[in-house]
Amino acid sequence: MPAKKSRREIFEAEGWTKQFIASEPRLSEAKDVYEEMGLEVRFEPVDKDDLDQECKDCFEMDESCRTIYTRPRREGKEVR
C-alpha cells in the first residue's frame, strides 16, 4: 500500500513552496511582501510531523503560528 502523502507533499504537487513558520505580525508582513512580488500566499496550520522534536515542543505551546506557502500567481486567480 502506498504511503499517505503529507500535507506539504500535496501542497508542493499543487505548485506551493514552503517558506517559513511565523505568527503575527510577521504573517501579515510576509503576506504583503510576497504579494508585492506577484506571488499567491496561503497560511496553513503547522504540520508537527514536518518538525523535529525540539521544534514540536515549542509549536505545541504556540498554536497561533502558521506555515507560509507561496506560488506564482495564476492568471485570473484572486489572491487568498
Protein backbone atom coordinates (compact mmCIF):
# COMPACT_ATOMS: atom_id res chain seq x y z
CA MET A 1 0.00 0.00 0.00
CA PRO A 2 1.47 3.41 -0.96
CA ALA A 3 2.43 5.74 1.88
CA LYS A 4 -0.01 8.54 2.64
CA LYS A 5 1.24 11.89 1.34
CA SER A 6 1.92 14.65 3.84
CA ARG A 7 0.12 17.98 3.54
CA ARG A 8 3.43 19.51 2.45
CA GLU A 9 3.78 16.96 -0.38
CA ILE A 10 0.22 17.66 -1.50
CA PHE A 11 0.79 21.44 -1.49
CA GLU A 12 4.09 21.07 -3.35
CA ALA A 13 2.34 18.96 -6.01
CA GLU A 14 -0.04 21.94 -6.46
CA GLY A 15 2.93 24.28 -7.00
CA TRP A 16 3.22 25.69 -3.47
CA THR A 17 6.63 26.25 -1.86
CA LYS A 18 7.04 26.19 1.92
CA GLN A 19 8.68 29.42 3.09
CA PHE A 20 8.76 29.55 6.89
CA ILE A 21 6.69 29.42 10.08
CA ALA A 22 5.62 32.60 11.86
CA SER A 23 2.91 34.27 13.90
CA GLU A 24 1.52 37.81 13.78
CA PRO A 25 2.67 40.43 12.99
CA ARG A 26 5.22 38.62 10.78
CA LEU A 27 2.48 36.67 8.95
CA SER A 28 0.82 39.83 7.66
CA GLU A 29 4.15 41.44 6.84
CA ALA A 30 5.31 38.40 4.87
CA LYS A 31 1.98 38.18 3.05
CA ASP A 32 2.28 41.79 1.92
CA VAL A 33 5.87 41.32 0.72
CA TYR A 34 5.15 38.07 -1.15
CA GLU A 35 2.05 39.55 -2.80
CA GLU A 36 4.07 42.60 -3.90
CA MET A 37 6.43 40.08 -5.53
CA GLY A 38 3.48 38.71 -7.52
CA LEU A 39 3.02 35.51 -5.54
CA GLU A 40 -0.05 33.82 -4.14
CA VAL A 41 0.16 33.26 -0.39
CA ARG A 42 -1.51 30.74 1.85
CA PHE A 43 -1.23 30.13 5.58
CA GLU A 44 -1.63 26.63 6.95
CA PRO A 45 -1.52 25.20 10.47
CA VAL A 46 1.93 23.97 11.42
CA ASP A 47 2.33 20.31 10.43
CA LYS A 48 4.04 18.93 13.51
CA ASP A 49 5.03 15.78 11.58
CA ASP A 50 7.27 18.07 9.48
CA LEU A 51 9.27 19.23 12.55
CA ASP A 52 11.98 17.74 14.73
CA GLN A 53 11.07 17.03 18.38
CA GLU A 54 12.66 20.21 19.71
CA CYS A 55 10.53 22.36 17.38
CA LYS A 56 7.37 20.32 18.06
CA ASP A 57 7.57 21.19 21.74
CA CYS A 58 7.71 24.93 21.01
CA PHE A 59 4.91 24.93 18.45
CA GLU A 60 2.64 22.94 20.76
CA MET A 61 2.85 25.88 23.16
CA ASP A 62 2.06 28.48 20.48
CA GLU A 63 -0.93 27.47 18.37
CA SER A 64 -1.02 30.90 16.64
CA CYS A 65 1.90 30.02 14.36
CA ARG A 66 1.22 29.22 10.71
CA THR A 67 3.31 27.85 7.86
CA ILE A 68 3.58 30.26 4.93
CA TYR A 69 3.40 28.77 1.42
CA THR A 70 3.76 30.72 -1.82
CA ARG A 71 3.45 30.03 -5.54
CA PRO A 72 3.46 32.11 -8.69
CA ARG A 73 0.14 33.88 -9.16
CA ARG A 74 -2.04 32.08 -11.66
CA GLU A 75 -3.71 34.16 -14.33
CA GLY A 76 -7.30 35.11 -13.49
CA LYS A 77 -6.96 33.97 -9.86
CA GLU A 78 -7.59 36.18 -6.86
CA VAL A 79 -5.00 36.06 -4.09
CA ARG A 80 -6.30 34.36 -0.95
